[in-house]
C-alpha cells in the first residue's frame, strides 16, 4: 500500500501527487517524498536542490524555465493557496504550448511534478503563500528563460477574479511571448 496517489494529467509526464495524511486530535503526519514510491508512480527524477518562497496575494511568479540546464520540479504549498501551471515547451511534443493548471494548498496538500521541458509559474490566491519545490538540476541564472504569463496563444485561464492586482517582478514584466523565444 502506498502513501501516495499518482494521477497522470492530460500532458504526458505531468503528474499530480496526493499524499496520504494521517491525522488525529494532535495534528497530522504525511510523507512528502519517498524515492521508491515515486519511481513506482512514474517519477524518476533525482532531486539535488530544494527551494522555498513566500509571496503575498496576487504575486505571479513565472513563466520560467532553464534551456540548457532544464529542471524537473516537484512543487507544493506549505501555507496558503496557489494556482500552479506547467506549460509544455518540448520540441516536437504533441502538446507543445498546452498547459496543466492545478490549485495547490495547505488544505489539499497536493503536489505537482513538472518534468524537464516545461515552463513553470504560479499565482498566489490566498493572503500569502509559502511555496516549496525540489529540482533535479541546479539553478543557472544565465540559462533562465521567461515567457509572458498572459501569452494569448498559451491561453492560461488564471483564476484572477478575486485578485485586485497581479504583482510581477521587473524581469517578468518584460518576458516575451512564447513564439518570440528562440530557444523554444
Protein backbone atom coordinates (compact mmCIF):
# COMPACT_ATOMS: atom_id res chain seq x y z
CA UNK A 1 0.00 0.00 0.00
CA UNK A 2 1.38 3.38 -0.99
CA UNK A 3 1.16 6.59 0.95
CA UNK A 4 0.66 8.44 -2.35
CA UNK A 5 -1.84 8.63 -5.20
CA UNK A 6 -0.19 9.50 -8.53
CA UNK A 7 -2.59 10.96 -11.09
CA UNK A 8 -1.49 11.47 -14.67
CA UNK A 9 -2.70 14.65 -16.38
CA UNK A 10 -3.60 15.38 -20.00
CA UNK A 11 0.06 16.20 -20.69
CA UNK A 12 2.49 13.30 -20.62
CA UNK A 13 4.90 13.45 -17.70
CA UNK A 14 2.99 15.99 -15.58
CA UNK A 15 1.72 14.15 -12.51
CA UNK A 16 -0.41 15.25 -9.54
CA UNK A 17 0.75 13.64 -6.29
CA UNK A 18 -1.62 13.31 -3.36
CA UNK A 19 -0.05 12.15 -0.10
CA UNK A 20 -1.93 10.08 2.44
CA UNK A 21 -2.44 12.23 5.52
CA UNK A 22 -2.58 10.62 8.98
CA UNK A 23 -4.40 12.97 11.33
CA UNK A 24 -5.82 12.98 14.81
CA UNK A 25 -6.51 15.48 17.59
CA UNK A 26 -2.76 16.28 17.82
CA UNK A 27 -2.39 17.31 14.17
CA UNK A 28 -1.22 15.32 11.17
CA UNK A 29 1.71 13.44 9.63
CA UNK A 30 2.43 12.71 5.98
CA UNK A 31 5.31 11.67 3.77
CA UNK A 32 6.04 14.27 1.12
CA UNK A 33 8.60 12.25 -0.83
CA UNK A 34 9.81 8.66 -0.87
CA UNK A 35 12.06 7.72 -3.78
CA UNK A 36 10.90 4.10 -4.25
CA UNK A 37 7.23 5.04 -4.24
CA UNK A 38 7.79 7.95 -6.60
CA UNK A 39 9.65 5.70 -9.06
CA UNK A 40 6.70 3.29 -8.93
CA UNK A 41 4.42 6.29 -9.58
CA UNK A 42 6.38 7.28 -12.69
CA UNK A 43 8.65 9.97 -11.23
CA UNK A 44 12.33 9.06 -11.59
CA UNK A 45 13.97 12.48 -11.17
CA UNK A 46 16.94 12.64 -8.79
CA UNK A 47 16.49 15.85 -6.83
CA UNK A 48 19.57 17.95 -5.97
CA UNK A 49 18.17 21.26 -4.69
CA UNK A 50 15.22 22.44 -2.58
CA UNK A 51 13.81 25.99 -2.80
CA UNK A 52 11.22 27.90 -0.80
CA UNK A 53 9.47 31.22 -1.38
CA UNK A 54 6.93 33.34 0.46
CA UNK A 55 4.61 35.62 -1.51
CA UNK A 56 1.54 37.76 -0.97
CA UNK A 57 -1.83 37.61 -2.71
CA UNK A 58 -1.66 38.46 -6.39
CA UNK A 59 2.03 37.66 -6.80
CA UNK A 60 2.59 35.80 -10.05
CA UNK A 61 5.97 34.13 -10.47
CA UNK A 62 6.69 32.90 -13.96
CA UNK A 63 6.58 31.61 -16.52
CA UNK A 64 10.18 30.35 -16.11
CA UNK A 65 12.41 27.58 -17.35
CA UNK A 66 16.05 26.84 -17.99
CA UNK A 67 17.01 25.91 -21.52
CA UNK A 68 20.39 24.12 -21.40
CA UNK A 69 20.02 23.07 -17.77
CA UNK A 70 16.36 22.09 -17.79
CA UNK A 71 14.92 21.23 -14.39
CA UNK A 72 12.25 18.78 -13.33
CA UNK A 73 10.39 20.11 -10.28
CA UNK A 74 8.20 18.70 -7.54
CA UNK A 75 6.19 21.61 -6.12
CA UNK A 76 3.85 22.04 -3.16
CA UNK A 77 2.40 24.65 -0.81
CA UNK A 78 3.12 24.74 2.92
CA UNK A 79 0.87 27.69 3.71
CA UNK A 80 -1.94 29.29 1.72
CA UNK A 81 -3.06 28.51 -1.82
CA UNK A 82 -1.67 28.98 -5.32
CA UNK A 83 -2.70 28.20 -8.87
CA UNK A 84 0.28 26.35 -10.29
CA UNK A 85 0.95 26.00 -14.02
CA UNK A 86 3.20 23.83 -16.20
CA UNK A 87 3.45 24.70 -19.92
CA UNK A 88 4.83 22.13 -22.35
CA UNK A 89 7.70 23.57 -24.44
CA UNK A 90 9.28 20.28 -25.50
CA UNK A 91 10.18 20.50 -29.18
CA UNK A 92 8.12 18.09 -31.24
CA UNK A 93 5.67 17.36 -28.43
CA UNK A 94 2.05 16.76 -29.43
CA UNK A 95 1.05 19.03 -26.52
CA UNK A 96 3.55 21.85 -27.22
CA UNK A 97 2.21 25.15 -25.86
CA UNK A 98 -0.51 23.43 -23.81
CA UNK A 99 -0.67 23.72 -20.04
CA UNK A 100 -1.81 21.99 -16.87
CA UNK A 101 -3.11 24.19 -14.06
CA UNK A 102 -3.73 22.90 -10.53
CA UNK A 103 -4.70 24.51 -7.24
CA UNK A 104 -2.17 23.57 -4.59
CA UNK A 105 -2.89 24.44 -0.98
CA UNK A 106 -2.05 23.68 2.61
CA UNK A 107 -5.51 22.09 2.85
CA UNK A 108 -5.40 19.74 -0.15
CA UNK A 109 -1.65 19.00 0.28
CA UNK A 110 -1.38 18.12 -3.42
CA UNK A 111 1.96 18.28 -5.18
CA UNK A 112 2.67 18.72 -8.87
CA UNK A 113 5.52 17.02 -10.69
CA UNK A 114 6.74 19.03 -13.66
CA UNK A 115 9.21 17.21 -15.92
CA UNK A 116 12.07 18.82 -17.82
CA UNK A 117 10.99 20.80 -20.86
CA UNK A 118 8.23 22.84 -19.23
CA UNK A 119 7.73 26.45 -18.28
CA UNK A 120 6.55 26.87 -14.71
CA UNK A 121 4.66 29.59 -12.87
CA UNK A 122 2.21 30.18 -10.06
CA UNK A 123 -0.27 32.78 -8.84
CA UNK A 124 -0.89 33.31 -5.11
CA UNK A 125 -4.62 33.13 -4.34
CA UNK A 126 -4.52 33.43 -0.53
CA UNK A 127 -3.35 36.42 1.55
CA UNK A 128 0.10 34.85 1.50
CA UNK A 129 1.62 31.55 0.48
CA UNK A 130 4.74 29.59 1.26
CA UNK A 131 5.79 27.51 -1.73
CA UNK A 132 8.46 24.78 -1.80
CA UNK A 133 9.94 22.77 -4.61
CA UNK A 134 12.57 20.19 -5.33
CA UNK A 135 14.68 20.47 -8.51
CA UNK A 136 16.68 17.82 -10.32
CA UNK A 137 19.34 20.29 -11.52
CA UNK A 138 20.91 23.38 -10.03
CA UNK A 139 19.77 26.92 -10.74
CA UNK A 140 21.76 28.55 -13.56
CA UNK A 141 20.63 32.21 -13.73
CA UNK A 142 22.43 32.77 -17.04
CA UNK A 143 20.32 30.00 -18.59
CA UNK A 144 16.90 31.16 -17.36
CA UNK A 145 14.20 31.76 -19.96
CA UNK A 146 10.96 33.59 -19.29
CA UNK A 147 7.68 33.76 -21.21
CA UNK A 148 4.81 36.19 -20.66
CA UNK A 149 2.30 34.90 -18.12
CA UNK A 150 -0.58 36.16 -20.27
CA UNK A 151 0.61 34.89 -23.66
CA UNK A 152 -2.67 34.63 -25.64
CA UNK A 153 -1.51 31.59 -27.64
CA UNK A 154 -0.93 29.62 -24.44
CA UNK A 155 -4.22 30.95 -23.05
CA UNK A 156 -3.82 30.14 -19.37
CA UNK A 157 -7.08 30.65 -17.52
CA UNK A 158 -5.63 32.18 -14.38
CA UNK A 159 -8.23 32.43 -11.56
CA UNK A 160 -7.88 36.20 -11.18
CA UNK A 161 -11.50 37.07 -10.32
CA UNK A 162 -10.62 37.76 -6.65
CA UNK A 163 -7.21 39.32 -7.33
CA UNK A 164 -7.07 43.14 -7.21
CA UNK A 165 -3.61 43.40 -8.76
CA UNK A 166 -1.20 40.99 -10.48
CA UNK A 167 2.23 41.61 -8.92
CA UNK A 168 5.16 40.74 -11.21
CA UNK A 169 8.91 41.11 -10.83
CA UNK A 170 10.55 43.65 -13.13
CA UNK A 171 12.03 40.73 -15.05
CA UNK A 172 8.66 39.03 -15.52
CA UNK A 173 7.01 42.27 -16.68
CA UNK A 174 9.28 42.14 -19.73
CA UNK A 175 9.01 38.45 -20.64
CA UNK A 176 8.41 37.85 -24.37
CA UNK A 177 5.69 35.74 -25.95
CA UNK A 178 6.49 32.05 -26.47
CA UNK A 179 6.77 32.48 -30.25
CA UNK A 180 9.47 35.13 -29.68
CA UNK A 181 11.73 32.86 -27.63
CA UNK A 182 14.29 31.32 -29.99
CA UNK A 183 15.14 28.50 -27.56
CA UNK A 184 11.64 27.09 -27.99
